[in-house]
Amino acid sequence: MSSPNRPTSAPPRTGHLAGGPAVRREGRWWLVASSGAVPADAALAHVLDRHAADLAEANRAVAAVEHG
């Protein structure tokens, strides 16, 4: 698992995080709904970066098991 202080890899450049309302566009996290979008504040962006890094790490581990 990644360090609690920083992600092990860069967050995604663009796209929804795990199919949820958080979207990373042009280096910034946004919360998107049918009524519009608002930018995430710094604290939430940090949590989303960590979550994205953890998901990427888990995906790599699953791929290693599947191809190992």
Protein backbone atom coordinates (compact mmCIF):
# COMPACT_ATOMS: atom_id res chain seq x y z
CA MET A 1 0.00 0.00 0.00
CA SER A 2 1.19 3.55 -0.63
CA SER A 3 2.62 5.92 1.92
CA PRO A 4 0.01 7.93 3.81
CA ASN A 5 1.91 11.12 2.92
CA ARG A 6 2.25 10.83 -0.84
CA PRO A 7 1.01 8.68 -3.70
CA THR A 8 3.28 6.03 -5.21
CA SER A 9 2.34 7.06 -8.73
CA ALA A 10 0.81 10.02 -10.46
CA PRO A 11 -2.97 10.28 -10.42
CA PRO A 12 -4.77 9.83 -13.70
CA ARG A 13 -4.40 12.75 -16.11
CA THR A 14 -8.07 12.80 -16.99
CA GLY A 15 -11.19 10.75 -16.36
CA HIS A 16 -13.53 9.58 -13.66
CA LEU A 17 -12.08 7.99 -10.56
CA ALA A 18 -13.51 4.48 -10.22
CA GLY A 19 -16.73 5.46 -11.98
CA GLY A 20 -17.64 8.03 -9.32
CA PRO A 21 -18.36 11.74 -9.48
CA ALA A 22 -14.71 12.76 -9.02
CA VAL A 23 -13.07 13.65 -12.31
CA ARG A 24 -9.52 14.80 -12.97
CA ARG A 25 -9.23 17.31 -15.79
CA GLU A 26 -6.20 19.39 -16.73
CA GLY A 27 -4.42 18.55 -13.48
CA ARG A 28 -7.33 19.39 -11.19
CA TRP A 29 -10.01 17.31 -9.45
CA TRP A 30 -13.66 18.22 -10.01
CA LEU A 31 -16.88 16.87 -8.52
CA VAL A 32 -19.31 16.43 -11.38
CA ALA A 33 -23.10 16.04 -11.30
CA SER A 34 -25.86 16.51 -13.85
CA SER A 35 -26.38 20.02 -12.44
CA GLY A 36 -22.76 21.05 -12.99
CA ALA A 37 -19.23 20.72 -11.61
CA VAL A 38 -17.26 22.27 -8.77
CA PRO A 39 -13.51 22.10 -8.19
CA ALA A 40 -12.30 20.02 -5.25
CA ASP A 41 -10.53 21.91 -2.48
CA ALA A 42 -6.90 21.13 -1.63
CA ALA A 43 -7.72 18.68 1.18
CA LEU A 44 -10.13 16.65 -0.94
CA ALA A 45 -7.74 16.75 -3.91
CA HIS A 46 -5.04 15.25 -1.69
CA VAL A 47 -7.33 12.40 -0.62
CA LEU A 48 -8.39 11.80 -4.24
CA ASP A 49 -4.74 11.70 -5.36
CA ARG A 50 -3.97 9.09 -2.69
CA HIS A 51 -7.04 7.05 -3.60
CA ALA A 52 -6.16 7.14 -7.30
CA ALA A 53 -2.60 6.03 -6.52
CA ASP A 54 -3.88 3.18 -4.32
CA LEU A 55 -6.25 2.03 -7.08
CA ALA A 56 -3.42 2.11 -9.63
CA GLU A 57 -1.22 0.08 -7.28
CA ALA A 58 -3.99 -2.48 -6.74
CA ASN A 59 -4.56 -2.75 -10.49
CA ARG A 60 -0.84 -3.39 -11.04
CA ALA A 61 -0.85 -6.09 -8.35
CA VAL A 62 -3.85 -7.83 -9.92
CA ALA A 63 -2.22 -7.66 -13.36
CA ALA A 64 0.98 -9.15 -11.95
CA VAL A 65 -0.97 -12.07 -10.43
CA GLU A 66 -2.91 -12.64 -13.64
CA HIS A 67 0.23 -12.62 -15.78
CA GLY A 68 2.62 -14.07 -13.21
